[in-house]
Amino acid sequence: MTARDIIIKPVITEKSMIGVASGKKYTFRVAKSATKIDIAKAVEEIFNVKVTKVNTVHVRGRKRRQGRNEGYTPSWKKAYVTLTEDSKPIEFFEGMM
């Protein structure tokens, strides 16, 4: 898998933006099969930063209804990436704040 296959997209929510403002903590939607080491290497390669640690969470699909039809949204994997103190911030997130 390439770095672009591992990092699917950034997660932009109020909670994730608080992490960005408070201390270089970024949130990404990642491939389900990606490990923490794979995620760290992918972020370093794509954004040219230094990663301190990676925390991952499996997000379960939620039950949804539309009329009488019901089903589940797909489950996915979320990664919280913390950068080192001397690392530069990720420019994509700077425009959001």
Protein backbone atom coordinates (compact mmCIF):
# COMPACT_ATOMS: atom_id res chain seq x y z
CA MET A 1 0.00 0.00 0.00
CA THR A 2 1.20 3.48 -0.80
CA ALA A 3 0.96 6.44 1.58
CA ARG A 4 -2.04 7.81 -0.34
CA ASP A 5 -3.85 4.48 0.08
CA ILE A 6 -3.30 4.49 3.85
CA ILE A 7 -4.46 8.07 4.58
CA ILE A 8 -7.97 8.29 3.12
CA LYS A 9 -9.04 11.76 4.28
CA PRO A 10 -8.78 14.17 7.22
CA VAL A 11 -11.55 14.25 9.82
CA ILE A 12 -12.85 17.81 10.24
CA THR A 13 -15.03 18.10 13.35
CA GLU A 14 -15.18 20.47 16.29
CA LYS A 15 -13.41 17.95 18.52
CA SER A 16 -10.61 17.35 16.02
CA MET A 17 -10.08 21.09 15.53
CA ILE A 18 -9.65 21.52 19.31
CA GLY A 19 -6.79 18.98 19.11
CA VAL A 20 -5.17 20.96 16.30
CA ALA A 21 -5.42 24.23 18.23
CA SER A 22 -4.20 22.81 21.54
CA GLY A 23 -1.16 20.86 20.48
CA LYS A 24 -0.39 19.45 17.03
CA LYS A 25 -2.87 16.56 17.22
CA TYR A 26 -4.44 15.68 13.86
CA THR A 27 -7.21 13.22 13.00
CA PHE A 28 -7.41 11.13 9.82
CA ARG A 29 -9.65 8.45 8.35
CA VAL A 30 -7.30 5.58 7.44
CA ALA A 31 -7.40 2.17 5.77
CA LYS A 32 -8.74 -0.57 8.03
CA SER A 33 -5.69 -2.78 7.47
CA ALA A 34 -3.14 -0.03 8.24
CA THR A 35 -0.97 -0.39 11.35
CA LYS A 36 0.24 2.46 13.56
CA ILE A 37 3.71 2.25 12.00
CA ASP A 38 2.23 2.40 8.48
CA ILE A 39 0.14 5.44 9.43
CA ALA A 40 3.12 7.27 10.96
CA LYS A 41 5.28 6.66 7.88
CA ALA A 42 2.47 7.75 5.53
CA VAL A 43 1.87 11.03 7.40
CA GLU A 44 5.60 11.78 7.48
CA GLU A 45 5.88 11.09 3.74
CA ILE A 46 2.82 13.07 2.63
CA PHE A 47 3.12 16.15 4.88
CA ASN A 48 6.92 16.22 5.57
CA VAL A 49 6.54 16.29 9.38
CA LYS A 50 7.84 14.22 12.34
CA VAL A 51 5.32 11.97 14.15
CA THR A 52 5.61 11.29 17.89
CA LYS A 53 2.75 8.83 18.36
CA VAL A 54 -0.34 7.40 16.69
CA ASN A 55 -3.54 6.29 18.41
CA THR A 56 -6.15 4.34 16.44
CA VAL A 57 -9.86 3.70 16.93
CA HIS A 58 -12.22 1.36 15.08
CA VAL A 59 -15.48 3.26 14.52
CA ARG A 60 -18.52 0.99 14.32
CA GLY A 61 -21.18 1.52 11.69
CA ARG A 62 -24.34 3.22 12.94
CA LYS A 63 -27.87 2.02 12.32
CA ARG A 64 -29.70 4.29 9.87
CA ARG A 65 -33.26 4.33 8.54
CA GLN A 66 -34.81 5.83 5.47
CA GLY A 67 -38.53 5.22 5.52
CA ARG A 68 -39.10 1.57 6.24
CA ASN A 69 -35.66 0.52 5.00
CA GLU A 70 -32.90 0.23 7.54
CA GLY A 71 -29.26 -0.69 7.46
CA TYR A 72 -25.84 0.17 8.82
CA THR A 73 -23.28 2.72 7.70
CA PRO A 74 -19.88 1.16 7.01
CA SER A 75 -17.39 0.78 9.85
CA TRP A 76 -14.02 2.54 9.48
CA LYS A 77 -10.75 3.27 11.24
CA LYS A 78 -9.70 6.63 12.69
CA ALA A 79 -6.15 7.67 13.60
CA TYR A 80 -5.07 10.43 15.99
CA VAL A 81 -1.57 11.57 14.99
CA THR A 82 0.58 13.66 17.36
CA LEU A 83 3.54 15.58 15.95
CA THR A 84 6.82 16.45 17.67
CA GLU A 85 7.29 19.88 19.25
CA ASP A 86 9.88 21.00 16.71
CA SER A 87 7.84 19.79 13.72
CA LYS A 88 6.04 22.29 11.52
CA PRO A 89 2.21 22.20 11.54
CA ILE A 90 0.27 20.63 8.67
CA GLU A 91 -0.74 23.45 6.32
CA PHE A 92 -4.08 21.92 5.31
CA PHE A 93 -5.45 22.20 8.86
CA GLU A 94 -4.14 25.75 9.38
CA GLY A 95 -6.66 27.15 6.89
CA MET A 96 -9.55 25.59 8.86
CA MET A 97 -9.01 27.59 12.04
